[in-house]
Amino acid sequence: MPIYEYRCEPCDHHFETLIRGNGDTAHCPKCGGIDLVKQFSVPAAAQSGHGRGSSLPVCEGGDPSFGCGQGHCGSGMCGLD
């Protein structure tokens, strides 16, 4: 079941919510509104086992607008330290 990110048009509140199926409608937790705009989001990767996985690339001199937020990385999305 996916978790989606939304922005409520009337109150400009940003939030995430779980959508269980086609009949499930998102509502703003702040104002209860349904006039929502789905936001683009970065998918999360689950890790299993011990330690950090090394099979996924982490910003190592790549695009400076994306990465772990450390040093040359910028978005804070990779979850390092």
Protein backbone atom coordinates (compact mmCIF):
# COMPACT_ATOMS: atom_id res chain seq x y z
CA MET A 1 0.00 0.00 0.00
CA PRO A 2 1.58 3.26 -1.11
CA ILE A 3 2.04 6.36 0.97
CA TYR A 4 1.43 9.53 -1.04
CA GLU A 5 2.44 13.12 -0.35
CA TYR A 6 -0.15 15.87 -0.84
CA ARG A 7 -0.54 19.62 -0.52
CA CYS A 8 -3.95 20.99 0.45
CA GLU A 9 -4.94 23.88 -1.84
CA PRO A 10 -7.15 25.80 0.66
CA CYS A 11 -4.80 25.76 3.68
CA ASP A 12 -1.41 25.00 1.99
CA HIS A 13 -0.74 22.13 4.43
CA HIS A 14 1.74 19.44 3.25
CA PHE A 15 1.17 15.89 4.50
CA GLU A 16 1.56 12.18 3.74
CA THR A 17 -1.20 9.60 3.83
CA LEU A 18 -1.68 5.90 3.15
CA ILE A 19 -4.01 5.10 0.25
CA ARG A 20 -5.40 1.57 0.61
CA GLY A 21 -7.32 1.31 -2.65
CA ASN A 22 -9.17 3.07 -5.47
CA GLY A 23 -12.11 3.96 -3.21
CA ASP A 24 -9.89 5.54 -0.54
CA THR A 25 -9.93 9.36 -0.68
CA ALA A 26 -7.28 11.53 0.94
CA HIS A 27 -8.40 14.30 3.29
CA CYS A 28 -6.30 17.12 4.74
CA PRO A 29 -5.64 16.40 8.43
CA LYS A 30 -5.55 20.14 9.17
CA CYS A 31 -8.76 21.43 7.55
CA GLY A 32 -10.49 18.25 6.31
CA GLY A 33 -10.44 19.48 2.72
CA ILE A 34 -10.26 17.23 -0.33
CA ASP A 35 -8.93 19.82 -2.82
CA LEU A 36 -5.46 18.25 -2.83
CA VAL A 37 -2.48 18.28 -5.18
CA LYS A 38 -0.36 15.13 -5.26
CA GLN A 39 3.32 15.98 -4.78
CA PHE A 40 6.30 14.31 -6.41
CA SER A 41 8.27 12.27 -3.90
CA VAL A 42 11.37 10.13 -3.80
CA PRO A 43 10.61 6.44 -3.23
CA ALA A 44 12.12 4.86 -0.13
CA ALA A 45 14.24 1.72 -0.30
CA ALA A 46 14.00 -0.85 2.46
CA GLN A 47 17.18 -2.50 3.69
CA SER A 48 17.38 -5.97 5.14
CA GLY A 49 20.23 -7.74 6.87
CA HIS A 50 22.97 -6.22 8.97
CA GLY A 51 24.83 -2.98 8.31
CA ARG A 52 24.41 -0.70 5.38
CA GLY A 53 23.62 -2.10 1.99
CA SER A 54 26.20 -1.35 -0.66
CA SER A 55 24.15 -2.40 -3.70
CA LEU A 56 22.39 0.97 -4.04
CA PRO A 57 24.37 3.95 -5.32
CA VAL A 58 24.78 6.91 -2.99
CA CYS A 59 25.74 10.36 -4.24
CA GLU A 60 29.48 10.02 -4.83
CA GLY A 61 30.37 13.02 -6.93
CA GLY A 62 27.15 12.75 -8.96
CA ASP A 63 24.35 15.25 -9.28
CA PRO A 64 24.84 17.83 -6.49
CA SER A 65 21.09 18.60 -6.36
CA PHE A 66 20.32 15.12 -5.00
CA GLY A 67 21.79 12.99 -2.26
CA CYS A 68 22.38 12.63 1.45
CA GLY A 69 22.71 16.28 2.47
CA GLN A 70 26.31 15.66 3.55
CA GLY A 71 29.07 17.59 1.81
CA HIS A 72 28.38 17.66 -1.91
CA CYS A 73 24.93 16.07 -1.65
CA GLY A 74 21.87 18.28 -1.31
CA SER A 75 18.45 16.78 -0.76
CA GLY A 76 18.75 14.79 2.50
CA MET A 77 17.03 11.79 0.97
CA CYS A 78 19.53 8.94 1.33
CA GLY A 79 19.43 8.69 5.14
CA LEU A 80 23.15 8.58 5.84
CA ASP A 81 24.33 9.46 9.35
